[in-house]
PDB file of N, CA and C in Angstrom:
ATOM      1  N   MET A   1       0.855  -1.386  -0.297  1.00  0.00           N
ATOM      2  CA  MET A   1       0.058   0.303   0.097  1.00  0.00           C
ATOM      3  C   MET A   1       0.504   1.447   0.254  1.00  0.00           C
ATOM      4  N   TYR A   2       0.886   2.205  -1.336  1.00  0.00           N
ATOM      5  CA  TYR A   2       1.460   3.718  -1.197  1.00  0.00           C
ATOM      6  C   TYR A   2       0.101   4.554  -0.510  1.00  0.00           C
ATOM      7  N   THR A   3       0.735   5.964  -0.064  1.00  0.00           N
ATOM      8  CA  THR A   3       0.172   6.424   0.055  1.00  0.00           C
ATOM      9  C   THR A   3       0.824   8.144   0.112  1.00  0.00           C
ATOM     10  N   CYS A   4       0.033   9.064  -0.850  1.00  0.00           N
ATOM     11  CA  CYS A   4       0.548  10.141  -0.911  1.00  0.00           C
ATOM     12  C   CYS A   4      -0.034  11.335  -0.673  1.00  0.00           C
ATOM     13  N   PHE A   5       0.266  12.007   0.005  1.00  0.00           N
ATOM     14  CA  PHE A   5      -0.641  13.311   0.376  1.00  0.00           C
ATOM     15  C   PHE A   5       0.662  14.658  -0.755  1.00  0.00           C
ATOM     16  N   ILE A   6      -1.112  15.847  -0.503  1.00  0.00           N
ATOM     17  CA  ILE A   6      -0.002  16.620  -1.335  1.00  0.00           C
ATOM     18  C   ILE A   6      -0.993  17.959  -0.248  1.00  0.00           C
ATOM     19  N   ASP A   7       0.656  18.900  -0.426  1.00  0.00           N
ATOM     20  CA  ASP A   7       1.033  20.120   0.026  1.00  0.00           C
ATOM     21  C   ASP A   7      -0.490  20.935  -0.637  1.00  0.00           C
ATOM     22  N   LEU A   8      -1.407  21.714   0.032  1.00  0.00           N
ATOM     23  CA  LEU A   8      -1.888  22.535  -0.812  1.00  0.00           C
ATOM     24  C   LEU A   8      -1.599  24.096  -0.397  1.00  0.00           C
ATOM     25  N   SER A   9      -0.570  23.901   1.023  1.00  0.00           N
ATOM     26  CA  SER A   9      -0.557  25.259   1.608  1.00  0.00           C
ATOM     27  C   SER A   9      -0.805  26.084   0.529  1.00  0.00           C
ATOM     28  N   LYS A  10       0.235  26.366  -0.936  1.00  0.00           N
ATOM     29  CA  LYS A  10       0.082  27.208  -1.754  1.00  0.00           C
ATOM     30  C   LYS A  10      -0.502  27.449  -2.711  1.00  0.00           C
ATOM     31  N   ALA A  11      -1.634  26.292  -2.796  1.00  0.00           N
ATOM     32  CA  ALA A  11      -3.153  25.721  -3.473  1.00  0.00           C
ATOM     33  C   ALA A  11      -3.431  27.075  -4.578  1.00  0.00           C
ATOM     34  N   TYR A  12      -3.530  28.053  -3.387  1.00  0.00           N
ATOM     35  CA  TYR A  12      -4.580  29.533  -3.649  1.00  0.00           C
ATOM     36  C   TYR A  12      -3.855  30.008  -4.440  1.00  0.00           C
ATOM     37  N   ASP A  13      -2.942  30.395  -4.082  1.00  0.00           N
ATOM     38  CA  ASP A  13      -1.556  31.636  -4.600  1.00  0.00           C
ATOM     39  C   ASP A  13      -1.570  30.731  -5.776  1.00  0.00           C
ATOM     40  N   SER A  14      -1.178  29.572  -6.429  1.00  0.00           N
ATOM     41  CA  SER A  14      -0.596  29.104  -7.526  1.00  0.00           C
ATOM     42  C   SER A  14      -1.868  28.427  -8.498  1.00  0.00           C
ATOM     43  N   ALA A  15      -3.130  28.577  -8.356  1.00  0.00           N
ATOM     44  CA  ALA A  15      -4.542  28.311  -8.867  1.00  0.00           C
ATOM     45  C   ALA A  15      -4.354  28.849 -11.042  1.00  0.00           C
ATOM     46  N   ASP A  16      -4.728  28.595 -11.225  1.00  0.00           N
ATOM     47  CA  ASP A  16      -4.543  29.459 -12.442  1.00  0.00           C
ATOM     48  C   ASP A  16      -5.996  30.347 -12.932  1.00  0.00           C
ATOM     49  N   ARG A  17      -5.945  30.949 -12.673  1.00  0.00           N
ATOM     50  CA  ARG A  17      -7.375  32.224 -12.802  1.00  0.00           C
ATOM     51  C   ARG A  17      -7.981  32.067 -14.078  1.00  0.00           C
ATOM     52  N   GLN A  18      -7.532  31.368 -15.919  1.00  0.00           N
ATOM     53  CA  GLN A  18      -8.013  31.419 -17.084  1.00  0.00           C
ATOM     54  C   GLN A  18      -8.851  30.170 -16.036  1.00  0.00           C
ATOM     55  N   LEU A  19      -8.183  28.927 -16.038  1.00  0.00           N
ATOM     56  CA  LEU A  19      -9.007  27.460 -15.964  1.00  0.00           C
ATOM     57  C   LEU A  19     -10.073  27.338 -14.822  1.00  0.00           C
ATOM     58  N   ALA A  20     -10.298  28.313 -13.618  1.00  0.00           N
ATOM     59  CA  ALA A  20     -10.882  27.998 -13.108  1.00  0.00           C
ATOM     60  C   ALA A  20     -12.581  29.090 -13.837  1.00  0.00           C
ATOM     61  N   TRP A  21     -12.074  29.785 -13.825  1.00  0.00           N
ATOM     62  CA  TRP A  21     -13.046  30.758 -15.516  1.00  0.00           C
ATOM     63  C   TRP A  21     -13.522  29.324 -15.862  1.00  0.00           C
ATOM     64  N   GLN A  22     -12.927  29.011 -16.171  1.00  0.00           N
ATOM     65  CA  GLN A  22     -13.716  27.752 -17.435  1.00  0.00           C
ATOM     66  C   GLN A  22     -14.562  26.858 -16.816  1.00  0.00           C
ATOM     67  N   ILE A  23     -14.459  26.146 -15.923  1.00  0.00           N
ATOM     68  CA  ILE A  23     -14.237  25.448 -14.885  1.00  0.00           C
ATOM     69  C   ILE A  23     -15.291  25.799 -14.179  1.00  0.00           C
ATOM     70  N   LEU A  24     -15.909  27.458 -14.134  1.00  0.00           N
ATOM     71  CA  LEU A  24     -17.271  27.095 -13.528  1.00  0.00           C
ATOM     72  C   LEU A  24     -17.849  27.531 -14.501  1.00  0.00           C
ATOM     73  N   ARG A  25     -17.442  28.251 -15.255  1.00  0.00           N
ATOM     74  CA  ARG A  25     -18.663  27.847 -17.393  1.00  0.00           C
ATOM     75  C   ARG A  25     -19.247  26.772 -17.459  1.00  0.00           C
ATOM     76  N   SER A  26     -18.237  25.792 -17.271  1.00  0.00           N
ATOM     77  CA  SER A  26     -18.239  24.329 -16.994  1.00  0.00           C
ATOM     78  C   SER A  26     -18.855  23.576 -16.623  1.00  0.00           C
ATOM     79  N   ARG A  27     -18.950  24.730 -14.724  1.00  0.00           N
ATOM     80  CA  ARG A  27     -19.797  23.833 -14.637  1.00  0.00           C
ATOM     81  C   ARG A  27     -21.177  24.017 -14.447  1.00  0.00           C
ATOM     82  N   GLY A  28     -21.641  24.802 -14.912  1.00  0.00           N
ATOM     83  CA  GLY A  28     -22.770  26.268 -15.206  1.00  0.00           C
ATOM     84  C   GLY A  28     -23.481  27.441 -14.744  1.00  0.00           C
ATOM     85  N   ALA A  29     -21.873  27.828 -13.825  1.00  0.00           N
ATOM     86  CA  ALA A  29     -22.069  29.005 -13.532  1.00  0.00           C
ATOM     87  C   ALA A  29     -22.422  30.126 -13.947  1.00  0.00           C
ATOM     88  N   PRO A  30     -23.072  31.090 -13.890  1.00  0.00           N
ATOM     89  CA  PRO A  30     -23.830  31.790 -14.309  1.00  0.00           C
ATOM     90  C   PRO A  30     -22.575  33.236 -15.391  1.00  0.00           C
ATOM     91  N   LYS A  31     -22.778  33.414 -16.613  1.00  0.00           N
ATOM     92  CA  LYS A  31     -21.423  34.587 -17.310  1.00  0.00           C
ATOM     93  C   LYS A  31     -21.761  35.731 -16.306  1.00  0.00           C
ATOM     94  N   LYS A  32     -22.479  35.590 -15.897  1.00  0.00           N
ATOM     95  CA  LYS A  32     -22.283  37.260 -14.797  1.00  0.00           C
ATOM     96  C   LYS A  32     -22.146  37.019 -14.105  1.00  0.00           C
ATOM     97  N   ILE A  33     -22.332  36.493 -12.943  1.00  0.00           N
ATOM     98  CA  ILE A  33     -20.989  35.810 -11.162  1.00  0.00           C
ATOM     99  C   ILE A  33     -20.122  35.382 -12.067  1.00  0.00           C
ATOM    100  N   VAL A  34     -19.777  34.838 -12.930  1.00  0.00           N
ATOM    101  CA  VAL A  34     -18.424  34.540 -13.959  1.00  0.00           C
ATOM    102  C   VAL A  34     -17.327  35.978 -13.841  1.00  0.00           C
ATOM    103  N   ASP A  35     -18.349  36.478 -14.627  1.00  0.00           N
ATOM    104  CA  ASP A  35     -17.259  37.882 -14.634  1.00  0.00           C
ATOM    105  C   ASP A  35     -17.445  38.764 -14.169  1.00  0.00           C
ATOM    106  N   LEU A  36     -18.434  38.428 -13.064  1.00  0.00           N
ATOM    107  CA  LEU A  36     -18.557  39.753 -11.655  1.00  0.00           C
ATOM    108  C   LEU A  36     -16.618  38.953 -10.578  1.00  0.00           C
ATOM    109  N   ILE A  37     -16.849  37.577 -10.828  1.00  0.00           N
ATOM    110  CA  ILE A  37     -15.675  36.779  -9.894  1.00  0.00           C
ATOM    111  C   ILE A  37     -14.763  37.401 -10.577  1.00  0.00           C
ATOM    112  N   GLN A  38     -14.706  37.484 -12.108  1.00  0.00           N
ATOM    113  CA  GLN A  38     -13.563  37.657 -12.434  1.00  0.00           C
ATOM    114  C   GLN A  38     -12.919  39.824 -12.372  1.00  0.00           C
ATOM    115  N   ASP A  39     -13.704  40.237 -12.515  1.00  0.00           N
ATOM    116  CA  ASP A  39     -13.716  41.888 -12.239  1.00  0.00           C
ATOM    117  C   ASP A  39     -12.777  41.914 -10.893  1.00  0.00           C
ATOM    118  N   LEU A  40     -13.856  41.182 -10.182  1.00  0.00           N
ATOM    119  CA  LEU A  40     -12.721  41.445  -8.647  1.00  0.00           C
ATOM    120  C   LEU A  40     -11.835  40.577  -8.770  1.00  0.00           C
ATOM    121  N   HIS A  41     -11.011  39.835  -9.212  1.00  0.00           N
ATOM    122  CA  HIS A  41      -9.652  39.476  -8.970  1.00  0.00           C
ATOM    123  C   HIS A  41      -8.316  40.507 -10.065  1.00  0.00           C
ATOM    124  N   GLN A  42      -8.872  40.848 -11.169  1.00  0.00           N
ATOM    125  CA  GLN A  42      -8.172  42.069 -12.090  1.00  0.00           C
ATOM    126  C   GLN A  42      -8.084  43.239 -11.140  1.00  0.00           C
ATOM    127  N   GLY A  43      -6.403  43.632 -11.776  1.00  0.00           N
ATOM    128  CA  GLY A  43      -6.043  44.754 -10.962  1.00  0.00           C
ATOM    129  C   GLY A  43      -5.767  44.773  -9.229  1.00  0.00           C
ATOM    130  N   THR A  44      -4.946  42.688  -8.691  1.00  0.00           N
ATOM    131  CA  THR A  44      -4.882  42.515  -7.687  1.00  0.00           C
ATOM    132  C   THR A  44      -3.366  43.611  -7.658  1.00  0.00           C
ATOM    133  N   THR A  45      -2.573  43.270  -7.028  1.00  0.00           N
ATOM    134  CA  THR A  45      -1.660  44.000  -6.682  1.00  0.00           C
ATOM    135  C   THR A  45      -0.683  43.347  -5.417  1.00  0.00           C
ATOM    136  N   CYS A  46       0.423  43.429  -5.146  1.00  0.00           N
ATOM    137  CA  CYS A  46       1.043  43.167  -3.902  1.00  0.00           C
ATOM    138  C   CYS A  46       2.158  43.661  -3.523  1.00  0.00           C
ATOM    139  N   ALA A  47       2.770  44.027  -2.375  1.00  0.00           N
ATOM    140  CA  ALA A  47       4.501  44.322  -2.401  1.00  0.00           C
ATOM    141  C   ALA A  47       4.805  43.636  -0.867  1.00  0.00           C
ATOM    142  N   MET A  48       5.612  43.828  -1.201  1.00  0.00           N
ATOM    143  CA  MET A  48       6.578  42.958   0.375  1.00  0.00           C
ATOM    144  C   MET A  48       7.200  43.824   1.459  1.00  0.00           C
ATOM    145  N   GLN A  49       7.489  43.785   2.818  1.00  0.00           N
ATOM    146  CA  GLN A  49       7.926  44.842   3.550  1.00  0.00           C
ATOM    147  C   GLN A  49       8.899  44.242   4.676  1.00  0.00           C
ATOM    148  N   ALA A  50      10.200  44.535   3.839  1.00  0.00           N
ATOM    149  CA  ALA A  50      10.925  44.241   5.125  1.00  0.00           C
ATOM    150  C   ALA A  50      11.219  44.859   6.173  1.00  0.00           C
ATOM    151  N   ASP A  51      10.992  46.119   5.857  1.00  0.00           N
ATOM    152  CA  ASP A  51      10.810  46.856   7.629  1.00  0.00           C
ATOM    153  C   ASP A  51       9.459  47.373   7.803  1.00  0.00           C
ATOM    154  N   HIS A  52       9.748  47.995   8.760  1.00  0.00           N
ATOM    155  CA  HIS A  52       8.357  49.078   8.964  1.00  0.00           C
ATOM    156  C   HIS A  52       8.043  50.507   8.158  1.00  0.00           C
ATOM    157  N   SER A  53       9.384  50.248   6.544  1.00  0.00           N
ATOM    158  CA  SER A  53       8.576  51.797   6.013  1.00  0.00           C
ATOM    159  C   SER A  53       7.137  51.302   5.449  1.00  0.00           C
ATOM    160  N   ARG A  54       6.998  51.879   4.611  1.00  0.00           N
ATOM    161  CA  ARG A  54       5.781  51.646   3.579  1.00  0.00           C
ATOM    162  C   ARG A  54       6.462  51.080   1.607  1.00  0.00           C
ATOM    163  N   PRO A  55       5.901  50.298   1.940  1.00  0.00           N
ATOM    164  CA  PRO A  55       6.762  49.079   0.646  1.00  0.00           C
ATOM    165  C   PRO A  55       6.241  49.994  -0.677  1.00  0.00           C
ATOM    166  N   ASP A  56       7.213  50.188  -1.770  1.00  0.00           N
ATOM    167  CA  ASP A  56       7.576  50.780  -3.315  1.00  0.00           C
ATOM    168  C   ASP A  56       7.356  50.513  -3.210  1.00  0.00           C
ATOM    169  N   SER A  57       7.839  49.171  -3.772  1.00  0.00           N
ATOM    170  CA  SER A  57       7.663  48.426  -5.426  1.00  0.00           C
ATOM    171  C   SER A  57       6.694  47.286  -4.824  1.00  0.00           C
ATOM    172  N   TRP A  58       4.887  47.655  -5.740  1.00  0.00           N
ATOM    173  CA  TRP A  58       4.279  47.147  -6.015  1.00  0.00           C
ATOM    174  C   TRP A  58       4.273  46.630  -7.723  1.00  0.00           C
ATOM    175  N   PHE A  59       3.352  44.897  -7.797  1.00  0.00           N
ATOM    176  CA  PHE A  59       3.654  43.868  -8.212  1.00  0.00           C
ATOM    177  C   PHE A  59       2.531  43.239  -8.350  1.00  0.00           C
ATOM    178  N   ASP A  60       2.106  43.237  -9.889  1.00  0.00           N
ATOM    179  CA  ASP A  60       0.806  42.073 -10.394  1.00  0.00           C
ATOM    180  C   ASP A  60       0.082  41.445  -9.185  1.00  0.00           C
ATOM    181  N   VAL A  61      -0.563  40.542  -9.400  1.00  0.00           N
ATOM    182  CA  VAL A  61      -0.636  39.079  -8.820  1.00  0.00           C
ATOM    183  C   VAL A  61      -1.557  38.873  -9.736  1.00  0.00           C
ATOM    184  N   ILE A  62      -1.219  37.883 -11.235  1.00  0.00           N
ATOM    185  CA  ILE A  62      -1.452  37.192 -11.961  1.00  0.00           C
ATOM    186  C   ILE A  62      -2.721  35.743 -11.621  1.00  0.00           C
ATOM    187  N   THR A  63      -1.955  34.859 -10.067  1.00  0.00           N
ATOM    188  CA  THR A  63      -2.538  34.447 -10.491  1.00  0.00           C
ATOM    189  C   THR A  63      -3.719  33.583  -8.788  1.00  0.00           C
ATOM    190  N   GLY A  64      -3.689  32.733  -8.086  1.00  0.00           N
ATOM    191  CA  GLY A  64      -4.585  32.413  -7.360  1.00  0.00           C
ATOM    192  C   GLY A  64      -6.287  32.948  -7.600  1.00  0.00           C
ATOM    193  N   PHE A  65      -6.252  32.864  -5.810  1.00  0.00           N
ATOM    194  CA  PHE A  65      -6.620  33.665  -5.571  1.00  0.00           C
ATOM    195  C   PHE A  65      -6.922  34.735  -4.068  1.00  0.00           C
ATOM    196  N   LYS A  66      -7.915  35.763  -4.242  1.00  0.00           N
ATOM    197  CA  LYS A  66      -7.601  36.326  -2.825  1.00  0.00           C
ATOM    198  C   LYS A  66      -7.706  35.676  -1.779  1.00  0.00           C
ATOM    199  N   GLN A  67      -6.769  35.709  -0.866  1.00  0.00           N
ATOM    200  CA  GLN A  67      -6.231  35.948   0.883  1.00  0.00           C
ATOM    201  C   GLN A  67      -6.930  35.878   1.348  1.00  0.00           C
ATOM    202  N   GLY A  68      -8.112  35.180   2.325  1.00  0.00           N
ATOM    203  CA  GLY A  68      -9.274  36.180   2.822  1.00  0.00           C
ATOM    204  C   GLY A  68     -10.540  36.290   2.398  1.00  0.00           C
ATOM    205  N   ASP A  69     -11.052  36.409   1.260  1.00  0.00           N
ATOM    206  CA  ASP A  69     -11.419  36.495   0.216  1.00  0.00           C
ATOM    207  C   ASP A  69     -12.762  35.152   0.689  1.00  0.00           C
ATOM    208  N   VAL A  70     -14.273  36.118   0.787  1.00  0.00           N
ATOM    209  CA  VAL A  70     -14.956  34.879   1.637  1.00  0.00           C
ATOM    210  C   VAL A  70     -14.988  33.673   0.120  1.00  0.00           C
ATOM    211  N   ASN A  71     -14.692  34.018  -0.468  1.00  0.00           N
ATOM    212  CA  ASN A  71     -15.707  33.739  -2.045  1.00  0.00           C
ATOM    213  C   ASN A  71     -14.089  32.210  -2.152  1.00  0.00           C
ATOM    214  N   ALA A  72     -13.584  32.242  -1.800  1.00  0.00           N
ATOM    215  CA  ALA A  72     -11.532  32.470  -2.200  1.00  0.00           C
ATOM    216  C   ALA A  72     -11.782  30.474  -1.961  1.00  0.00           C
ATOM    217  N   PRO A  73     -12.506  29.619  -0.492  1.00  0.00           N
ATOM    218  CA  PRO A  73     -12.467  28.355  -0.045  1.00  0.00           C
ATOM    219  C   PRO A  73     -12.821  27.483  -0.547  1.00  0.00           C
ATOM    220  N   LEU A  74     -14.491  28.632  -1.068  1.00  0.00           N
ATOM    221  CA  LEU A  74     -15.708  27.748  -2.566  1.00  0.00           C
ATOM    222  C   LEU A  74     -15.141  27.700  -4.238  1.00  0.00           C
ATOM    223  N   LEU A  75     -14.153  29.043  -4.925  1.00  0.00           N
ATOM    224  CA  LEU A  75     -13.328  28.549  -5.521  1.00  0.00           C
ATOM    225  C   LEU A  75     -12.919  27.636  -5.955  1.00  0.00           C
ATOM    226  N   PHE A  76     -11.921  27.892  -4.672  1.00  0.00           N
ATOM    227  CA  PHE A  76     -10.702  26.390  -4.500  1.00  0.00           C
ATOM    228  C   PHE A  76     -10.993  25.041  -5.199  1.00  0.00           C
ATOM    229  N   ASN A  77     -12.037  24.954  -3.773  1.00  0.00           N
ATOM    230  CA  ASN A  77     -13.053  23.321  -4.051  1.00  0.00           C
ATOM    231  C   ASN A  77     -13.666  23.049  -5.011  1.00  0.00           C
ATOM    232  N   ILE A  78     -14.327  23.898  -5.748  1.00  0.00           N
ATOM    233  CA  ILE A  78     -14.857  24.025  -7.189  1.00  0.00           C
ATOM    234  C   ILE A  78     -13.824  23.825  -8.019  1.00  0.00           C
ATOM    235  N   TYR A  79     -12.879  24.531  -8.325  1.00  0.00           N
ATOM    236  CA  TYR A  79     -11.271  23.980  -8.970  1.00  0.00           C
ATOM    237  C   TYR A  79     -10.707  22.626  -9.184  1.00  0.00           C
ATOM    238  N   ILE A  80     -10.417  22.383  -7.452  1.00  0.00           N
ATOM    239  CA  ILE A  80      -9.642  21.439  -7.342  1.00  0.00           C
ATOM    240  C   ILE A  80     -10.593  20.350  -7.330  1.00  0.00           C
ATOM    241  N   ASP A  81     -11.427  20.703  -7.475  1.00  0.00           N
ATOM    242  CA  ASP A  81     -12.692  19.418  -7.266  1.00  0.00           C
ATOM    243  C   ASP A  81     -12.742  18.488  -9.185  1.00  0.00           C
ATOM    244  N   THR A  82     -13.139  19.789  -9.704  1.00  0.00           N
ATOM    245  CA  THR A  82     -12.713  19.765 -10.755  1.00  0.00           C
ATOM    246  C   THR A  82     -11.394  18.816 -12.174  1.00  0.00           C
ATOM    247  N   ILE A  83     -10.195  19.318 -11.461  1.00  0.00           N
ATOM    248  CA  ILE A  83      -9.341  18.805 -12.038  1.00  0.00           C
ATOM    249  C   ILE A  83      -8.926  17.406 -10.984  1.00  0.00           C
ATOM    250  N   VAL A  84      -9.201  16.739  -9.906  1.00  0.00           N
ATOM    251  CA  VAL A  84      -9.434  15.958  -9.826  1.00  0.00           C
ATOM    252  C   VAL A  84     -10.203  14.695  -9.948  1.00  0.00           C
ATOM    253  N   ARG A  85     -11.377  15.756 -10.896  1.00  0.00           N
ATOM    254  CA  ARG A  85     -11.956  14.945 -11.864  1.00  0.00           C
ATOM    255  C   ARG A  85     -11.486  14.423 -12.873  1.00  0.00           C
ATOM    256  N   VAL A  86     -11.135  15.314 -13.506  1.00  0.00           N
ATOM    257  CA  VAL A  86     -10.691  15.036 -14.986  1.00  0.00           C
ATOM    258  C   VAL A  86      -9.090  14.110 -14.572  1.00  0.00           C
ATOM    259  N   PHE A  87      -8.684  14.383 -13.801  1.00  0.00           N
ATOM    260  CA  PHE A  87      -7.070  13.049 -12.839  1.00  0.00           C
ATOM    261  C   PHE A  87      -7.875  11.940 -12.813  1.00  0.00           C
ATOM    262  N   GLU A  88      -8.194  11.414 -12.387  1.00  0.00           N
ATOM    263  CA  GLU A  88      -8.633  10.242 -11.790  1.00  0.00           C
ATOM    264  C   GLU A  88      -8.868   8.860 -13.017  1.00  0.00           C
ATOM    265  N   PRO A  89      -9.979   9.433 -13.839  1.00  0.00           N
ATOM    266  CA  PRO A  89      -9.864   8.394 -14.345  1.00  0.00           C
ATOM    267  C   PRO A  89      -8.701   8.386 -15.729  1.00  0.00           C
ATOM    268  N   LEU A  90      -8.047   9.834 -15.431  1.00  0.00           N
ATOM    269  CA  LEU A  90      -6.630   8.962 -16.012  1.00  0.00           C
ATOM    270  C   LEU A  90      -5.242   8.470 -15.587  1.00  0.00           C
ATOM    271  N   VAL A  91      -6.012   7.931 -14.145  1.00  0.00           N
ATOM    272  CA  VAL A  91      -4.498   7.009 -13.373  1.00  0.00           C
ATOM    273  C   VAL A  91      -5.286   5.323 -13.429  1.00  0.00           C
ATOM    274  N   SER A  92      -6.988   5.402 -13.401  1.00  0.00           N
ATOM    275  CA  SER A  92      -7.733   3.707 -12.709  1.00  0.00           C
ATOM    276  C   SER A  92      -7.124   2.943 -13.036  1.00  0.00           C
ATOM    277  N   HIS A  93      -6.435   2.435 -14.245  1.00  0.00           N
ATOM    278  CA  HIS A  93      -6.020   2.069 -14.589  1.00  0.00           C
ATOM    279  C   HIS A  93      -4.642   1.489 -14.608  1.00  0.00           C
ATOM    280  N   LEU A  94      -3.783   2.013 -13.774  1.00  0.00           N
ATOM    281  CA  LEU A  94      -2.572   2.385 -12.422  1.00  0.00           C
ATOM    282  C   LEU A  94      -2.927   1.469 -11.369  1.00  0.00           C
ATOM    283  N   GLY A  95      -4.336   1.056 -10.741  1.00  0.00           N
ATOM    284  CA  GLY A  95      -5.303   0.639  -9.827  1.00  0.00           C
ATOM    285  C   GLY A  95      -4.822   2.002  -8.627  1.00  0.00           C
ATOM    286  N   ILE A  96      -5.082   2.756  -8.896  1.00  0.00           N
ATOM    287  CA  ILE A  96      -4.883   4.147  -8.137  1.00  0.00           C
ATOM    288  C   ILE A  96      -6.293   4.592  -7.602  1.00  0.00           C
ATOM    289  N   THR A  97      -6.687   4.196  -6.432  1.00  0.00           N
ATOM    290  CA  THR A  97      -7.750   4.702  -6.142  1.00  0.00           C
ATOM    291  C   THR A  97      -7.542   6.093  -4.712  1.00  0.00           C
ATOM    292  N   TRP A  98      -8.912   6.727  -5.257  1.00  0.00           N
ATOM    293  CA  TRP A  98      -8.742   8.115  -4.590  1.00  0.00           C
ATOM    294  C   TRP A  98      -9.454   7.247  -3.179  1.00  0.00           C
ATOM    295  N   GLN A  99      -9.166   8.100  -1.266  1.00  0.00           N
ATOM    296  CA  GLN A  99     -10.009   7.757  -0.587  1.00  0.00           C
ATOM    297  C   GLN A  99     -10.119   9.616  -0.263  1.00  0.00           C
ATOM    298  N   TYR A 100     -11.173  10.116   0.582  1.00  0.00           N
ATOM    299  CA  TYR A 100     -11.343  11.802   0.958  1.00  0.00           C
ATOM    300  C   TYR A 100     -11.538  11.861   1.848  1.00  0.00           C
ATOM    301  N   LYS A 101     -11.667  11.948   2.621  1.00  0.00           N
ATOM    302  CA  LYS A 101     -11.114  12.821   4.247  1.00  0.00           C
ATOM    303  C   LYS A 101     -10.985  13.958   4.586  1.00  0.00           C
TER     304      LYS A 101
END
């Protein structure tokens, strides 16, 4: 028996947004809702601060879901569920089974 654990600690930050929007549409989310969620994620910027001074260097964030956003857990769950559902049949012939907890 083999066990595989997947570290999802950086998962929110690395999710492909364009793929997420496609997944939402394919799962039947209304276009207006998907467009609204996309708009909320556009123009996201971030800065790093090494000391107590104001950050002066901002950069665009083009991947991942917004940390602290109430929609982020739902978006991520839909995203990862779809990936697992697509991946599962591709490995079933190898005798790999999925157990969720």
